[in-house]
């Protein structure tokens, strides 16, 4: 019997890359990426290093002869300044108040827009519009058109109801700033929470309705637990950005009356560009960086714990 010698089938003509070739490609990619990484590091580290250096030196633009190593004198002067601790309290108060308003209002708006109604698209456009207004413009609108004690909309409404108009920026300045900032950031919270509520399983809601759950029970036991992760994201993102609120305060109250609306960012500005003391302003900048990192650390841990709990379920 003749034996037929058939060629062996070739399943994969491409040879697997050798370890040397893989290592060569990785090293080449590292060399290609290294310039971008180096530029990014320089972009980040040089300003921070200069700020740290100036925070330990005597550097006043109005007195160039006053120079030299100051040690911790700039930090001591800043901490003992009468406006420092009020600025910390105002910063915390501003962040907490805006977070409460935006999270609660964002949840309610997300639940409202989750239902079908006439003109929903136009209403959604108006709801997110304040987020795209520049902070300076929104502050001017609120100062001159809404909260003005003579011809503002709130003053007109109060006079129509027989009430005496209030000069918000003189009597309740921090409350006025909180309203302006909350008006700006409420659309951001609404967008995040509305996107999250859209991903809620409709079958779960239908099953709850069949079981006899009312609207309030469905909100507290189905909708709100589903939004927990999105709420954590909103809190983390807004807290980081609210630490640097400046334009609204500068445009409306300039930190006053007195230091009633001076937060840490505005205090640093006043030290550096009003009193021309670069050393003290740099010390305030370093303290602001430390505070931002502490807040970010706890917020990231809170978000990670939240995500871990979700995945374990």
Protein backbone atom coordinates (compact mmCIF):
# COMPACT_ATOMS: atom_id res chain seq x y z
CA UNK A 1 0.00 0.00 0.00
CA UNK A 2 1.29 3.37 -0.93
CA UNK A 3 1.61 5.95 1.81
CA UNK A 4 0.42 9.42 0.94
CA UNK A 5 2.58 12.12 2.46
CA UNK A 6 0.20 15.01 2.95
CA UNK A 7 1.56 18.39 4.02
CA UNK A 8 0.90 19.32 7.61
CA UNK A 9 -1.74 22.04 7.93
CA UNK A 10 -0.40 25.41 8.87
CA UNK A 11 -2.74 26.95 11.39
CA UNK A 12 -0.74 30.07 12.16
CA UNK A 13 1.86 31.32 9.76
CA UNK A 14 2.72 34.33 11.92
CA UNK A 15 5.44 33.57 14.37
CA UNK A 16 4.96 34.59 17.95
CA UNK A 17 7.10 37.57 18.89
CA UNK A 18 10.24 36.66 20.72
CA UNK A 19 10.82 38.05 24.22
CA UNK A 20 13.72 40.15 22.95
CA UNK A 21 11.53 41.84 20.34
CA UNK A 22 8.84 42.56 22.95
CA UNK A 23 11.37 44.11 25.30
CA UNK A 24 12.84 46.16 22.46
CA UNK A 25 9.41 47.53 21.56
CA UNK A 26 8.70 48.40 25.19
CA UNK A 27 11.99 50.24 25.59
CA UNK A 28 11.36 52.12 22.33
CA UNK A 29 7.88 53.15 23.51
CA UNK A 30 9.36 54.35 26.79
CA UNK A 31 11.82 56.55 24.94
CA UNK A 32 9.04 57.95 22.78
CA UNK A 33 6.83 58.77 25.77
CA UNK A 34 9.61 60.14 27.98
CA UNK A 35 9.71 63.68 26.43
CA UNK A 36 6.01 64.18 27.11
CA UNK A 37 6.38 62.88 30.66
CA UNK A 38 9.39 65.14 31.24
CA UNK A 39 7.52 68.22 29.98
CA UNK A 40 4.52 67.36 32.16
CA UNK A 41 6.72 66.92 35.24
CA UNK A 42 8.46 70.23 34.60
CA UNK A 43 5.09 71.91 34.04
CA UNK A 44 3.89 70.63 37.42
CA UNK A 45 6.99 70.71 39.60
CA UNK A 46 8.63 74.02 38.65
CA UNK A 47 5.72 76.27 39.79
CA UNK A 48 5.27 74.20 42.94
CA UNK A 49 9.00 74.30 43.71
CA UNK A 50 9.12 78.08 43.18
CA UNK A 51 6.08 78.54 45.43
CA UNK A 52 7.71 76.47 48.16
CA UNK A 53 10.93 78.46 47.82
CA UNK A 54 9.17 81.84 47.97
CA UNK A 55 7.16 80.71 51.01
CA UNK A 56 10.43 80.46 52.98
CA UNK A 57 11.89 83.77 51.78
CA UNK A 58 11.24 87.46 52.39
CA UNK A 59 9.93 88.79 49.10
CA UNK A 60 7.86 91.97 49.03
CA UNK A 61 7.42 93.82 45.73
CA UNK A 62 7.11 97.19 47.49
CA UNK A 63 10.33 96.68 49.46
CA UNK A 64 12.92 94.94 47.25
CA UNK A 65 15.66 95.50 49.82
CA UNK A 66 13.87 93.21 52.26
CA UNK A 67 15.06 89.76 51.21
CA UNK A 68 16.68 86.63 52.56
CA UNK A 69 15.66 83.37 54.15
CA UNK A 70 12.60 83.78 56.39
CA UNK A 71 12.20 80.24 57.71
CA UNK A 72 8.69 79.75 59.05
CA UNK A 73 8.05 83.46 59.61
CA UNK A 74 5.70 83.71 56.61
CA UNK A 75 3.64 80.78 57.85
CA UNK A 76 3.53 82.17 61.39
CA UNK A 77 2.44 85.58 60.14
CA UNK A 78 -0.26 84.04 57.96
CA UNK A 79 -1.65 81.77 60.68
CA UNK A 80 -1.76 84.63 63.20
CA UNK A 81 -3.40 87.00 60.71
CA UNK A 82 -6.93 87.99 61.89
CA UNK A 83 -8.39 87.02 58.51
CA UNK A 84 -6.82 83.56 58.22
CA UNK A 85 -9.08 81.43 60.40
CA UNK A 86 -12.27 83.24 59.31
CA UNK A 87 -11.22 82.53 55.71
CA UNK A 88 -10.90 78.81 56.53
CA UNK A 89 -14.35 78.80 58.15
CA UNK A 90 -15.86 80.69 55.22
CA UNK A 91 -14.29 78.22 52.79
CA UNK A 92 -15.72 75.24 54.65
CA UNK A 93 -19.11 76.93 55.07
CA UNK A 94 -19.26 77.77 51.37
CA UNK A 95 -18.37 74.22 50.31
CA UNK A 96 -20.82 72.52 52.68
CA UNK A 97 -23.72 74.85 51.86
CA UNK A 98 -23.21 74.57 48.08
CA UNK A 99 -22.88 70.78 48.31
CA UNK A 100 -26.14 70.46 50.25
CA UNK A 101 -28.03 72.72 47.82
CA UNK A 102 -26.65 71.12 44.65
CA UNK A 103 -26.95 67.50 45.79
CA UNK A 104 -30.50 67.85 47.13
CA UNK A 105 -31.61 70.03 44.24
CA UNK A 106 -29.85 67.81 41.70
CA UNK A 107 -31.57 64.68 43.03
CA UNK A 108 -34.99 66.34 42.95
CA UNK A 109 -34.42 67.69 39.45
CA UNK A 110 -33.20 64.31 38.22
CA UNK A 111 -36.33 62.61 39.58
CA UNK A 112 -38.52 65.31 38.02
CA UNK A 113 -36.89 65.12 34.58
CA UNK A 114 -37.04 61.33 34.66
CA UNK A 115 -40.77 61.66 33.96
CA UNK A 116 -42.17 62.50 30.53
CA UNK A 117 -43.83 65.91 30.18
CA UNK A 118 -44.48 68.45 27.46
CA UNK A 119 -41.44 70.59 26.64
CA UNK A 120 -38.99 68.31 28.43
CA UNK A 121 -36.16 69.00 25.95
CA UNK A 122 -36.47 72.78 26.25
CA UNK A 123 -36.74 72.57 30.05
CA UNK A 124 -33.63 70.39 30.19
CA UNK A 125 -31.73 72.93 28.09
CA UNK A 126 -32.68 75.76 30.46
CA UNK A 127 -31.78 73.59 33.46
CA UNK A 128 -28.19 73.03 32.32
CA UNK A 129 -27.65 76.51 30.83
CA UNK A 130 -26.22 78.17 34.03
CA UNK A 131 -23.28 75.77 34.02
CA UNK A 132 -22.01 77.28 30.75
CA UNK A 133 -22.13 80.88 31.99
CA UNK A 134 -18.76 82.31 33.00
CA UNK A 135 -18.42 82.88 36.77
CA UNK A 136 -17.81 86.63 36.37
CA UNK A 137 -20.86 87.04 34.14
CA UNK A 138 -23.12 85.07 36.48
CA UNK A 139 -21.89 87.11 39.45
CA UNK A 140 -22.67 90.35 37.63
CA UNK A 141 -26.13 89.06 36.68
CA UNK A 142 -26.95 88.16 40.28
CA UNK A 143 -25.47 91.37 41.68
CA UNK A 144 -27.11 93.84 39.29
CA UNK A 145 -30.25 92.10 38.02
CA UNK A 146 -31.43 89.67 40.70
CA UNK A 147 -30.22 90.67 44.17
CA UNK A 148 -29.87 94.43 43.70
CA UNK A 149 -31.78 96.12 46.57
CA UNK A 150 -33.43 98.73 44.27
CA UNK A 151 -34.15 97.29 40.82
CA UNK A 152 -33.30 93.58 41.27
CA UNK A 153 -35.93 90.93 40.62
CA UNK A 154 -35.94 89.81 44.25
CA UNK A 155 -36.43 93.41 45.45
CA UNK A 156 -39.31 93.92 43.00
CA UNK A 157 -40.98 90.70 44.17
CA UNK A 158 -40.54 91.66 47.84
CA UNK A 159 -42.06 95.11 47.28
CA UNK A 160 -44.97 93.52 45.40
CA UNK A 161 -45.68 91.40 48.50
CA UNK A 162 -45.43 94.41 50.82
CA UNK A 163 -42.00 93.50 52.19
CA UNK A 164 -38.90 95.65 52.57
CA UNK A 165 -36.13 94.74 50.08
CA UNK A 166 -32.87 93.44 51.50
CA UNK A 167 -29.39 94.54 50.49
CA UNK A 168 -28.09 90.98 50.28
CA UNK A 169 -24.43 91.80 49.72
CA UNK A 170 -24.37 94.07 52.77
CA UNK A 171 -26.58 92.17 55.22
CA UNK A 172 -26.14 88.55 54.11
CA UNK A 173 -23.01 88.63 51.90
CA UNK A 174 -21.90 85.03 52.31
CA UNK A 175 -25.45 83.77 51.72
CA UNK A 176 -25.56 85.77 48.48
CA UNK A 177 -22.27 84.26 47.33
CA UNK A 178 -23.53 80.78 48.21
CA UNK A 179 -26.65 81.35 46.09
CA UNK A 180 -24.56 82.44 43.11
CA UNK A 181 -22.15 79.49 43.33
CA UNK A 182 -24.97 76.98 43.93
CA UNK A 183 -26.83 78.34 40.88
CA UNK A 184 -23.72 77.67 38.80
CA UNK A 185 -23.02 74.16 40.07
CA UNK A 186 -26.57 72.84 40.33
CA UNK A 187 -26.66 71.93 36.58
CA UNK A 188 -23.46 69.89 36.99
CA UNK A 189 -24.99 67.84 39.79
CA UNK A 190 -28.20 67.49 37.78
CA UNK A 191 -26.36 66.15 34.72
CA UNK A 192 -24.45 63.52 36.70
CA UNK A 193 -27.48 62.41 38.71
CA UNK A 194 -29.85 62.45 35.74
CA UNK A 195 -27.45 60.26 33.76
CA UNK A 196 -27.27 57.86 36.70
CA UNK A 197 -31.03 57.70 37.18
CA UNK A 198 -31.47 56.91 33.49
CA UNK A 199 -29.50 53.69 34.03
CA UNK A 200 -31.93 52.45 36.71
CA UNK A 201 -33.50 49.14 35.75
CA UNK A 202 -37.10 49.75 34.74
CA UNK A 203 -38.08 46.17 35.56
CA UNK A 204 -37.07 46.76 39.16
CA UNK A 205 -39.34 49.80 39.32
CA UNK A 206 -42.20 47.89 37.72
CA UNK A 207 -41.77 45.04 40.21
CA UNK A 208 -41.86 47.52 43.09
CA UNK A 209 -45.07 49.05 41.75
CA UNK A 210 -46.64 45.60 41.45
CA UNK A 211 -45.70 44.90 45.07
CA UNK A 212 -47.56 48.05 46.09
CA UNK A 213 -44.66 50.43 46.68
CA UNK A 214 -45.63 54.09 46.53
CA UNK A 215 -43.64 56.98 45.07
CA UNK A 216 -41.99 57.86 48.39
CA UNK A 217 -40.99 54.27 49.13
CA UNK A 218 -39.60 53.83 45.62
CA UNK A 219 -37.54 57.00 46.01
CA UNK A 220 -35.97 56.05 49.36
CA UNK A 221 -35.49 52.31 48.73
CA UNK A 222 -34.77 52.14 44.99
CA UNK A 223 -33.86 55.50 43.44
CA UNK A 224 -31.73 56.98 46.24
CA UNK A 225 -29.59 53.83 46.81
CA UNK A 226 -29.02 53.66 43.06
CA UNK A 227 -27.80 57.28 43.05
CA UNK A 228 -25.39 56.81 45.96
CA UNK A 229 -22.34 56.30 43.76
CA UNK A 230 -23.24 59.27 41.53
CA UNK A 231 -23.74 61.47 44.60
CA UNK A 232 -20.27 60.53 45.81
CA UNK A 233 -18.81 61.56 42.45
CA UNK A 234 -20.65 64.90 42.59
CA UNK A 235 -19.42 65.58 46.13
CA UNK A 236 -15.82 64.76 45.22
CA UNK A 237 -15.72 66.81 42.01
CA UNK A 238 -17.48 69.86 43.43
CA UNK A 239 -15.45 69.91 46.65
CA UNK A 240 -12.18 70.10 44.73
CA UNK A 241 -13.38 72.95 42.50
CA UNK A 242 -15.16 74.86 45.28
CA UNK A 243 -11.90 75.20 47.19
CA UNK A 244 -10.75 77.69 44.55
CA UNK A 245 -13.85 79.93 44.28
CA UNK A 246 -12.61 83.44 43.52
CA UNK A 247 -14.36 85.25 40.65
CA UNK A 248 -17.76 85.36 42.35
CA UNK A 249 -16.31 86.90 45.51
CA UNK A 250 -14.07 89.34 43.65
CA UNK A 251 -16.91 90.57 41.43
CA UNK A 252 -19.60 90.97 44.09
CA UNK A 253 -18.15 91.67 47.56
CA UNK A 254 -14.34 91.84 47.22
CA UNK A 255 -14.11 89.72 50.35
CA UNK A 256 -16.22 92.08 52.44
CA UNK A 257 -17.86 93.66 54.22
CA UNK A 258 -14.71 93.42 56.30
CA UNK A 259 -13.71 89.79 55.87
CA UNK A 260 -17.26 88.37 55.85
CA UNK A 261 -16.80 86.66 52.48
CA UNK A 262 -13.04 86.19 52.43
CA UNK A 263 -12.17 82.58 51.69
CA UNK A 264 -8.66 81.13 51.53
CA UNK A 265 -8.30 81.79 47.80
CA UNK A 266 -9.26 85.44 48.12
CA UNK A 267 -6.98 85.85 51.15
CA UNK A 268 -4.03 84.59 49.10
CA UNK A 269 -4.96 87.03 46.33
CA UNK A 270 -5.14 89.94 48.76
CA UNK A 271 -1.77 89.07 50.25
CA UNK A 272 -0.04 88.71 46.90
CA UNK A 273 -1.69 91.29 44.61
CA UNK A 274 -3.04 93.87 47.06
CA UNK A 275 -0.32 93.86 49.72
CA UNK A 276 2.38 92.73 47.23
CA UNK A 277 3.87 90.26 49.70
CA UNK A 278 4.86 87.31 47.55
CA UNK A 279 6.38 85.36 50.44
CA UNK A 280 3.23 85.33 52.57
CA UNK A 281 1.02 84.70 49.54
CA UNK A 282 3.21 81.71 48.61
CA UNK A 283 2.87 80.36 52.14
CA UNK A 284 -0.90 80.65 51.80
CA UNK A 285 -0.71 78.83 48.46
CA UNK A 286 1.17 75.94 50.05
CA UNK A 287 -1.40 75.73 52.85
CA UNK A 288 -4.16 75.73 50.23
CA UNK A 289 -2.44 72.85 48.40
CA UNK A 290 -2.14 70.90 51.65
CA UNK A 291 -5.82 71.52 52.46
CA UNK A 292 -6.89 70.46 48.94
CA UNK A 293 -4.86 67.25 49.19
CA UNK A 294 -6.35 66.41 52.59
CA UNK A 295 -9.88 66.95 51.27
CA UNK A 296 -9.12 64.94 48.11
CA UNK A 297 -7.66 62.08 50.17
CA UNK A 298 -10.79 61.65 52.27
CA UNK A 299 -13.11 62.10 49.29
CA UNK A 300 -11.26 59.52 47.21
CA UNK A 301 -11.36 57.08 50.11
CA UNK A 302 -15.09 57.68 50.50
CA UNK A 303 -15.65 57.08 46.78
CA UNK A 304 -13.47 53.95 46.79
CA UNK A 305 -15.36 52.55 49.77
CA UNK A 306 -18.62 53.32 47.99
CA UNK A 307 -17.50 51.58 44.80
CA UNK A 308 -16.21 48.60 46.76
CA UNK A 309 -19.57 48.22 48.45
CA UNK A 310 -21.30 48.34 45.07
CA UNK A 311 -19.06 45.67 43.57
CA UNK A 312 -19.41 43.38 46.58
CA UNK A 313 -23.17 43.41 46.06
